[in-house]
Amino acid sequence: MMARPKGTSDRRAAIVDAATRLFADKGYDGVSLREIAREAGVDAALVHHYFDGKESLFSASVALPIEPEMIIGGIESFALADRGRFVAHAIVRLWEGPQRHALAAFFRSTISSTTRSRLLADVARRRILARIAEGMPGDRAERDLRVSMAATQVVGFMIARYIVRLEPLASLPADEAEALLAPAIQRHLTGPLPSIRPEPPESRVRRTSS
């Protein structure tokens, strides 16, 4: 166990560092605050002193530049047929706003780090993709496949337009770029799928561990 950090900022940093390692290794659901405290070499009460709960500590570990609610808030009021348009509008509005440089810096640092990439994937799965999938037809495996494929459209769009600035997409007016992105997202959410049966997550876990 590591030596107990002395200063207040050192203690908080040690907790965040320990949480980052454990969340990346085990995922959000596989880690307890008590386990994080042990890893950081501090008393469990100290974790509660600095953070409101596990979600608060997880957010500090990922160091998100924005809250997911800024992207996905209110999507439940939209019909399934309009969710691609909702997501496209939210993404373009966000990247065209004052957070653009912070988002670009976060994106570059995240995709270059395996640990941070795993944490971001966990955030996306729990706090964004699960919200988009609410009310969609099909079983859980199909819904998971659809929203993860929709995510490829969003991530590819962000990289091409805002990170590497691939032309002519990078220079399109925002409303035109949004109009191109929306149907691509919607196709994955509600369009016909190839004749494949996605494997449920629990089956993949059993097969991998056997």
C-alpha atoms as a PDB file:
ATOM      1  CA  MET A   1       0.000   0.000   0.000  1.00  0.00           C
ATOM      2  CA  MET A   2       1.311   3.448  -0.867  1.00  0.00           C
ATOM      3  CA  ALA A   3       2.354   5.882   1.873  1.00  0.00           C
ATOM      4  CA  ARG A   4      -0.451   8.099   3.085  1.00  0.00           C
ATOM      5  CA  PRO A   5      -0.189  11.484   1.342  1.00  0.00           C
ATOM      6  CA  LYS A   6       0.367  14.451   3.632  1.00  0.00           C
ATOM      7  CA  GLY A   7      -1.207  17.548   2.056  1.00  0.00           C
ATOM      8  CA  THR A   8      -4.860  18.130   1.237  1.00  0.00           C
ATOM      9  CA  SER A   9      -4.226  18.455  -2.494  1.00  0.00           C
ATOM     10  CA  ASP A  10      -1.963  15.383  -2.398  1.00  0.00           C
ATOM     11  CA  ARG A  11      -4.659  13.332  -0.706  1.00  0.00           C
ATOM     12  CA  ARG A  12      -7.301  14.325  -3.214  1.00  0.00           C
ATOM     13  CA  ALA A  13      -4.924  13.664  -6.117  1.00  0.00           C
ATOM     14  CA  ALA A  14      -4.050  10.241  -4.709  1.00  0.00           C
ATOM     15  CA  ILE A  15      -7.740   9.347  -4.509  1.00  0.00           C
ATOM     16  CA  VAL A  16      -8.368  10.453  -8.097  1.00  0.00           C
ATOM     17  CA  ASP A  17      -5.283   8.574  -9.341  1.00  0.00           C
ATOM     18  CA  ALA A  18      -6.349   5.391  -7.570  1.00  0.00           C
ATOM     19  CA  ALA A  19      -9.904   5.732  -8.854  1.00  0.00           C
ATOM     20  CA  THR A  20      -8.668   6.263 -12.405  1.00  0.00           C
ATOM     21  CA  ARG A  21      -6.628   3.055 -12.315  1.00  0.00           C
ATOM     22  CA  LEU A  22      -9.409   0.962 -10.793  1.00  0.00           C
ATOM     23  CA  PHE A  23     -12.207   2.332 -12.984  1.00  0.00           C
ATOM     24  CA  ALA A  24     -10.126   1.728 -16.109  1.00  0.00           C
ATOM     25  CA  ASP A  25      -9.311  -1.820 -15.016  1.00  0.00           C
ATOM     26  CA  LYS A  26     -12.680  -2.944 -13.606  1.00  0.00           C
ATOM     27  CA  GLY A  27     -15.258  -0.508 -14.946  1.00  0.00           C
ATOM     28  CA  TYR A  28     -17.607   1.712 -12.983  1.00  0.00           C
ATOM     29  CA  ASP A  29     -19.772  -1.070 -11.557  1.00  0.00           C
ATOM     30  CA  GLY A  30     -16.814  -3.215 -10.510  1.00  0.00           C
ATOM     31  CA  VAL A  31     -15.257  -0.697  -8.120  1.00  0.00           C
ATOM     32  CA  SER A  32     -16.337   0.433  -4.646  1.00  0.00           C
ATOM     33  CA  LEU A  33     -15.363   3.599  -2.808  1.00  0.00           C
ATOM     34  CA  ARG A  34     -13.837   1.485  -0.054  1.00  0.00           C
ATOM     35  CA  GLU A  35     -11.611  -0.261  -2.592  1.00  0.00           C
ATOM     36  CA  ILE A  36     -10.526   3.103  -3.985  1.00  0.00           C
ATOM     37  CA  ALA A  37      -9.656   4.285  -0.484  1.00  0.00           C
ATOM     38  CA  ARG A  38      -7.484   1.207   0.099  1.00  0.00           C
ATOM     39  CA  GLU A  39      -5.721   1.713  -3.229  1.00  0.00           C
ATOM     40  CA  ALA A  40      -5.076   5.375  -2.401  1.00  0.00           C
ATOM     41  CA  GLY A  41      -3.877   4.581   1.115  1.00  0.00           C
ATOM     42  CA  VAL A  42      -6.470   6.775   2.825  1.00  0.00           C
ATOM     43  CA  ASP A  43      -9.426   6.278   5.122  1.00  0.00           C
ATOM     44  CA  ALA A  44     -12.759   5.702   3.368  1.00  0.00           C
ATOM     45  CA  ALA A  45     -14.230   8.718   5.174  1.00  0.00           C
ATOM     46  CA  LEU A  46     -11.723  10.928   3.380  1.00  0.00           C
ATOM     47  CA  VAL A  47     -13.108   9.870   0.008  1.00  0.00           C
ATOM     48  CA  HIS A  48     -16.561  11.011   1.133  1.00  0.00           C
ATOM     49  CA  HIS A  49     -15.036  14.252   2.393  1.00  0.00           C
ATOM     50  CA  TYR A  50     -13.744  15.194  -1.061  1.00  0.00           C
ATOM     51  CA  PHE A  51     -16.451  13.640  -3.260  1.00  0.00           C
ATOM     52  CA  ASP A  52     -20.243  13.427  -3.057  1.00  0.00           C
ATOM     53  CA  GLY A  53     -20.232   9.807  -4.206  1.00  0.00           C
ATOM     54  CA  LYS A  54     -18.890   7.377  -6.766  1.00  0.00           C
ATOM     55  CA  GLU A  55     -20.360   9.281  -9.722  1.00  0.00           C
ATOM     56  CA  SER A  56     -18.654  12.472  -8.580  1.00  0.00           C
ATOM     57  CA  LEU A  57     -15.319  10.671  -8.207  1.00  0.00           C
ATOM     58  CA  PHE A  58     -15.747   8.981 -11.578  1.00  0.00           C
ATOM     59  CA  SER A  59     -16.317  12.363 -13.248  1.00  0.00           C
ATOM     60  CA  ALA A  60     -13.141  13.684 -11.603  1.00  0.00           C
ATOM     61  CA  SER A  61     -11.237  10.661 -12.889  1.00  0.00           C
ATOM     62  CA  VAL A  62     -12.358  11.234 -16.462  1.00  0.00           C
ATOM     63  CA  ALA A  63     -11.946  15.029 -16.180  1.00  0.00           C
ATOM     64  CA  LEU A  64     -14.846  15.693 -18.548  1.00  0.00           C
ATOM     65  CA  PRO A  65     -14.857  19.217 -20.013  1.00  0.00           C
ATOM     66  CA  ILE A  66     -18.676  19.151 -20.086  1.00  0.00           C
ATOM     67  CA  GLU A  67     -21.450  17.222 -18.379  1.00  0.00           C
ATOM     68  CA  PRO A  68     -23.119  14.514 -20.532  1.00  0.00           C
ATOM     69  CA  GLU A  69     -26.466  16.137 -19.706  1.00  0.00           C
ATOM     70  CA  MET A  70     -25.439  19.025 -21.964  1.00  0.00           C
ATOM     71  CA  ILE A  71     -25.469  16.564 -24.865  1.00  0.00           C
ATOM     72  CA  ILE A  72     -28.336  14.280 -24.042  1.00  0.00           C
ATOM     73  CA  GLY A  73     -30.676  16.217 -21.755  1.00  0.00           C
ATOM     74  CA  GLY A  74     -34.271  16.099 -22.983  1.00  0.00           C
ATOM     75  CA  ILE A  75     -33.858  13.297 -25.525  1.00  0.00           C
ATOM     76  CA  GLU A  76     -36.627  11.257 -23.875  1.00  0.00           C
ATOM     77  CA  SER A  77     -39.203  13.745 -25.154  1.00  0.00           C
ATOM     78  CA  PHE A  78     -38.219  13.072 -28.772  1.00  0.00           C
ATOM     79  CA  ALA A  79     -39.710  10.269 -30.871  1.00  0.00           C
ATOM     80  CA  LEU A  80     -37.359   7.491 -31.946  1.00  0.00           C
ATOM     81  CA  ALA A  81     -37.528   8.747 -35.531  1.00  0.00           C
ATOM     82  CA  ASP A  82     -36.131  12.131 -34.426  1.00  0.00           C
ATOM     83  CA  ARG A  83     -33.287  11.023 -32.172  1.00  0.00           C
ATOM     84  CA  GLY A  84     -30.663  11.131 -34.896  1.00  0.00           C
ATOM     85  CA  ARG A  85     -31.552  14.768 -35.522  1.00  0.00           C
ATOM     86  CA  PHE A  86     -31.491  15.498 -31.791  1.00  0.00           C
ATOM     87  CA  VAL A  87     -28.017  13.998 -31.309  1.00  0.00           C
ATOM     88  CA  ALA A  88     -26.579  15.652 -34.431  1.00  0.00           C
ATOM     89  CA  HIS A  89     -27.873  19.053 -33.352  1.00  0.00           C
ATOM     90  CA  ALA A  90     -26.500  18.627 -29.820  1.00  0.00           C
ATOM     91  CA  ILE A  91     -23.051  17.581 -31.066  1.00  0.00           C
ATOM     92  CA  VAL A  92     -22.694  20.375 -33.623  1.00  0.00           C
ATOM     93  CA  ARG A  93     -24.029  23.025 -31.220  1.00  0.00           C
ATOM     94  CA  LEU A  94     -21.552  21.894 -28.567  1.00  0.00           C
ATOM     95  CA  TRP A  95     -18.506  21.868 -30.854  1.00  0.00           C
ATOM     96  CA  GLU A  96     -19.408  25.187 -32.462  1.00  0.00           C
ATOM     97  CA  GLY A  97     -19.703  26.833 -29.038  1.00  0.00           C
ATOM     98  CA  PRO A  98     -17.173  28.245 -26.570  1.00  0.00           C
ATOM     99  CA  GLN A  99     -16.213  24.751 -25.302  1.00  0.00           C
ATOM    100  CA  ARG A 100     -14.675  23.862 -28.669  1.00  0.00           C
ATOM    101  CA  HIS A 101     -11.001  24.234 -27.683  1.00  0.00           C
ATOM    102  CA  ALA A 102     -11.482  22.447 -24.357  1.00  0.00           C
ATOM    103  CA  LEU A 103     -13.270  19.600 -26.135  1.00  0.00           C
ATOM    104  CA  ALA A 104     -10.508  19.295 -28.724  1.00  0.00           C
ATOM    105  CA  ALA A 105      -7.816  19.183 -26.029  1.00  0.00           C
ATOM    106  CA  PHE A 106      -9.780  16.593 -24.058  1.00  0.00           C
ATOM    107  CA  PHE A 107     -10.385  14.493 -27.164  1.00  0.00           C
ATOM    108  CA  ARG A 108      -6.716  14.468 -28.181  1.00  0.00           C
ATOM    109  CA  SER A 109      -5.494  13.556 -24.707  1.00  0.00           C
ATOM    110  CA  THR A 110      -8.124  10.846 -24.325  1.00  0.00           C
ATOM    111  CA  ILE A 111      -7.586   8.975 -27.585  1.00  0.00           C
ATOM    112  CA  SER A 112      -3.834   8.869 -26.906  1.00  0.00           C
ATOM    113  CA  SER A 113      -4.347   7.172 -23.507  1.00  0.00           C
ATOM    114  CA  THR A 114      -5.688   3.647 -23.090  1.00  0.00           C
ATOM    115  CA  THR A 115      -6.776   4.358 -19.515  1.00  0.00           C
ATOM    116  CA  ARG A 116      -8.668   7.539 -20.357  1.00  0.00           C
ATOM    117  CA  SER A 117     -10.206   5.914 -23.437  1.00  0.00           C
ATOM    118  CA  ARG A 118     -11.624   3.108 -21.309  1.00  0.00           C
ATOM    119  CA  LEU A 119     -13.037   5.602 -18.836  1.00  0.00           C
ATOM    120  CA  LEU A 120     -14.626   7.674 -21.580  1.00  0.00           C
ATOM    121  CA  ALA A 121     -16.181   4.545 -23.105  1.00  0.00           C
ATOM    122  CA  ASP A 122     -17.724   3.762 -19.724  1.00  0.00           C
ATOM    123  CA  VAL A 123     -19.147   7.296 -19.456  1.00  0.00           C
ATOM    124  CA  ALA A 124     -20.556   7.089 -22.977  1.00  0.00           C
ATOM    125  CA  ARG A 125     -22.137   3.691 -22.352  1.00  0.00           C
ATOM    126  CA  ARG A 126     -23.782   4.521 -19.012  1.00  0.00           C
ATOM    127  CA  ARG A 127     -24.682   8.184 -19.319  1.00  0.00           C
ATOM    128  CA  ILE A 128     -25.206   8.811 -23.041  1.00  0.00           C
ATOM    129  CA  LEU A 129     -25.814   5.652 -25.098  1.00  0.00           C
ATOM    130  CA  ALA A 130     -28.167   4.122 -22.529  1.00  0.00           C
ATOM    131  CA  ARG A 131     -30.305   7.280 -22.662  1.00  0.00           C
ATOM    132  CA  ILE A 132     -30.413   7.235 -26.469  1.00  0.00           C
ATOM    133  CA  ALA A 133     -31.452   3.566 -26.441  1.00  0.00           C
ATOM    134  CA  GLU A 134     -34.411   4.039 -24.079  1.00  0.00           C
ATOM    135  CA  GLY A 135     -37.626   2.877 -25.713  1.00  0.00           C
ATOM    136  CA  MET A 136     -35.941   1.426 -28.791  1.00  0.00           C
ATOM    137  CA  PRO A 137     -37.337  -1.885 -30.086  1.00  0.00           C
ATOM    138  CA  GLY A 138     -35.400  -5.142 -29.993  1.00  0.00           C
ATOM    139  CA  ASP A 139     -33.570  -6.911 -27.205  1.00  0.00           C
ATOM    140  CA  ARG A 140     -30.697  -5.456 -25.227  1.00  0.00           C
ATOM    141  CA  ALA A 141     -28.042  -6.879 -27.543  1.00  0.00           C
ATOM    142  CA  GLU A 142     -29.636  -5.235 -30.575  1.00  0.00           C
ATOM    143  CA  ARG A 143     -30.081  -1.902 -28.813  1.00  0.00           C
ATOM    144  CA  ASP A 144     -26.453  -1.957 -27.639  1.00  0.00           C
ATOM    145  CA  LEU A 145     -25.272  -2.700 -31.161  1.00  0.00           C
ATOM    146  CA  ARG A 146     -27.376   0.052 -32.685  1.00  0.00           C
ATOM    147  CA  VAL A 147     -26.281   2.798 -30.304  1.00  0.00           C
ATOM    148  CA  SER A 148     -22.621   1.763 -30.486  1.00  0.00           C
ATOM    149  CA  MET A 149     -22.759   1.926 -34.281  1.00  0.00           C
ATOM    150  CA  ALA A 150     -24.439   5.328 -34.048  1.00  0.00           C
ATOM    151  CA  ALA A 151     -21.544   6.386 -31.812  1.00  0.00           C
ATOM    152  CA  THR A 152     -19.082   5.545 -34.591  1.00  0.00           C
ATOM    153  CA  GLN A 153     -20.798   8.147 -36.756  1.00  0.00           C
ATOM    154  CA  VAL A 154     -20.550  10.791 -34.032  1.00  0.00           C
ATOM    155  CA  VAL A 155     -16.908  10.060 -33.156  1.00  0.00           C
ATOM    156  CA  GLY A 156     -15.860   9.924 -36.794  1.00  0.00           C
ATOM    157  CA  PHE A 157     -17.638  13.196 -37.485  1.00  0.00           C
ATOM    158  CA  MET A 158     -15.966  14.937 -34.532  1.00  0.00           C
ATOM    159  CA  ILE A 159     -12.512  13.726 -35.543  1.00  0.00           C
ATOM    160  CA  ALA A 160     -12.929  14.583 -39.222  1.00  0.00           C
ATOM    161  CA  ARG A 161     -14.519  18.023 -38.793  1.00  0.00           C
ATOM    162  CA  TYR A 162     -12.983  19.353 -35.584  1.00  0.00           C
ATOM    163  CA  ILE A 163      -9.736  17.470 -34.875  1.00  0.00           C
ATOM    164  CA  VAL A 164      -8.040  16.744 -38.218  1.00  0.00           C
ATOM    165  CA  ARG A 165     -10.254  19.253 -40.086  1.00  0.00           C
ATOM    166  CA  LEU A 166     -10.835  17.097 -43.132  1.00  0.00           C
ATOM    167  CA  GLU A 167     -12.075  19.115 -46.092  1.00  0.00           C
ATOM    168  CA  PRO A 168     -14.626  19.830 -47.381  1.00  0.00           C
ATOM    169  CA  LEU A 169     -16.470  18.720 -44.215  1.00  0.00           C
ATOM    170  CA  ALA A 170     -14.448  21.056 -41.981  1.00  0.00           C
ATOM    171  CA  SER A 171     -15.524  24.158 -43.895  1.00  0.00           C
ATOM    172  CA  LEU A 172     -19.214  23.337 -44.292  1.00  0.00           C
ATOM    173  CA  PRO A 173     -21.630  25.662 -42.491  1.00  0.00           C
ATOM    174  CA  ALA A 174     -22.732  24.141 -39.201  1.00  0.00           C
ATOM    175  CA  ASP A 175     -26.335  23.590 -40.297  1.00  0.00           C
ATOM    176  CA  GLU A 176     -25.225  21.727 -43.436  1.00  0.00           C
ATOM    177  CA  ALA A 177     -22.824  19.525 -41.466  1.00  0.00           C
ATOM    178  CA  GLU A 178     -25.592  18.766 -38.988  1.00  0.00           C
ATOM    179  CA  ALA A 179     -27.988  17.872 -41.805  1.00  0.00           C
ATOM    180  CA  LEU A 180     -25.473  15.332 -43.130  1.00  0.00           C
ATOM    181  CA  LEU A 181     -24.782  13.775 -39.739  1.00  0.00           C
ATOM    182  CA  ALA A 182     -28.389  13.341 -38.566  1.00  0.00           C
ATOM    183  CA  PRO A 183     -29.567  10.703 -41.080  1.00  0.00           C
ATOM    184  CA  ALA A 184     -26.348   8.706 -40.655  1.00  0.00           C
ATOM    185  CA  ILE A 185     -27.011   8.441 -36.918  1.00  0.00           C
ATOM    186  CA  GLN A 186     -30.700   7.700 -37.448  1.00  0.00           C
ATOM    187  CA  ARG A 187     -29.973   4.885 -39.902  1.00  0.00           C
ATOM    188  CA  HIS A 188     -28.082   2.981 -37.216  1.00  0.00           C
ATOM    189  CA  LEU A 189     -30.715   3.656 -34.554  1.00  0.00           C
ATOM    190  CA  THR A 190     -33.833   2.598 -36.434  1.00  0.00           C
ATOM    191  CA  GLY A 191     -32.890   1.415 -39.939  1.00  0.00           C
ATOM    192  CA  PRO A 192     -32.778  -2.222 -41.038  1.00  0.00           C
ATOM    193  CA  LEU A 193     -29.871  -4.289 -39.769  1.00  0.00           C
ATOM    194  CA  PRO A 194     -27.987  -6.947 -41.726  1.00  0.00           C
ATOM    195  CA  SER A 195     -29.102 -10.490 -40.931  1.00  0.00           C
ATOM    196  CA  ILE A 196     -26.825 -10.926 -37.928  1.00  0.00           C
ATOM    197  CA  ARG A 197     -27.622 -11.602 -34.311  1.00  0.00           C
ATOM    198  CA  PRO A 198     -25.478  -9.552 -31.940  1.00  0.00           C
ATOM    199  CA  GLU A 199     -24.207 -11.562 -28.985  1.00  0.00           C
ATOM    200  CA  PRO A 200     -25.449 -10.443 -25.541  1.00  0.00           C
ATOM    201  CA  PRO A 201     -22.693  -8.869 -23.378  1.00  0.00           C
ATOM    202  CA  GLU A 202     -23.004 -11.557 -20.697  1.00  0.00           C
ATOM    203  CA  SER A 203     -22.395 -14.293 -23.289  1.00  0.00           C
ATOM    204  CA  ARG A 204     -19.237 -12.544 -24.470  1.00  0.00           C
ATOM    205  CA  VAL A 205     -17.989 -12.395 -20.890  1.00  0.00           C
ATOM    206  CA  ARG A 206     -18.622 -16.114 -20.320  1.00  0.00           C
ATOM    207  CA  ARG A 207     -16.937 -17.081 -23.599  1.00  0.00           C
ATOM    208  CA  THR A 208     -13.902 -14.870 -22.925  1.00  0.00           C
ATOM    209  CA  SER A 209     -13.408 -16.193 -19.390  1.00  0.00           C
ATOM    210  CA  SER A 210     -13.783 -19.863 -20.339  1.00  0.00           C
END
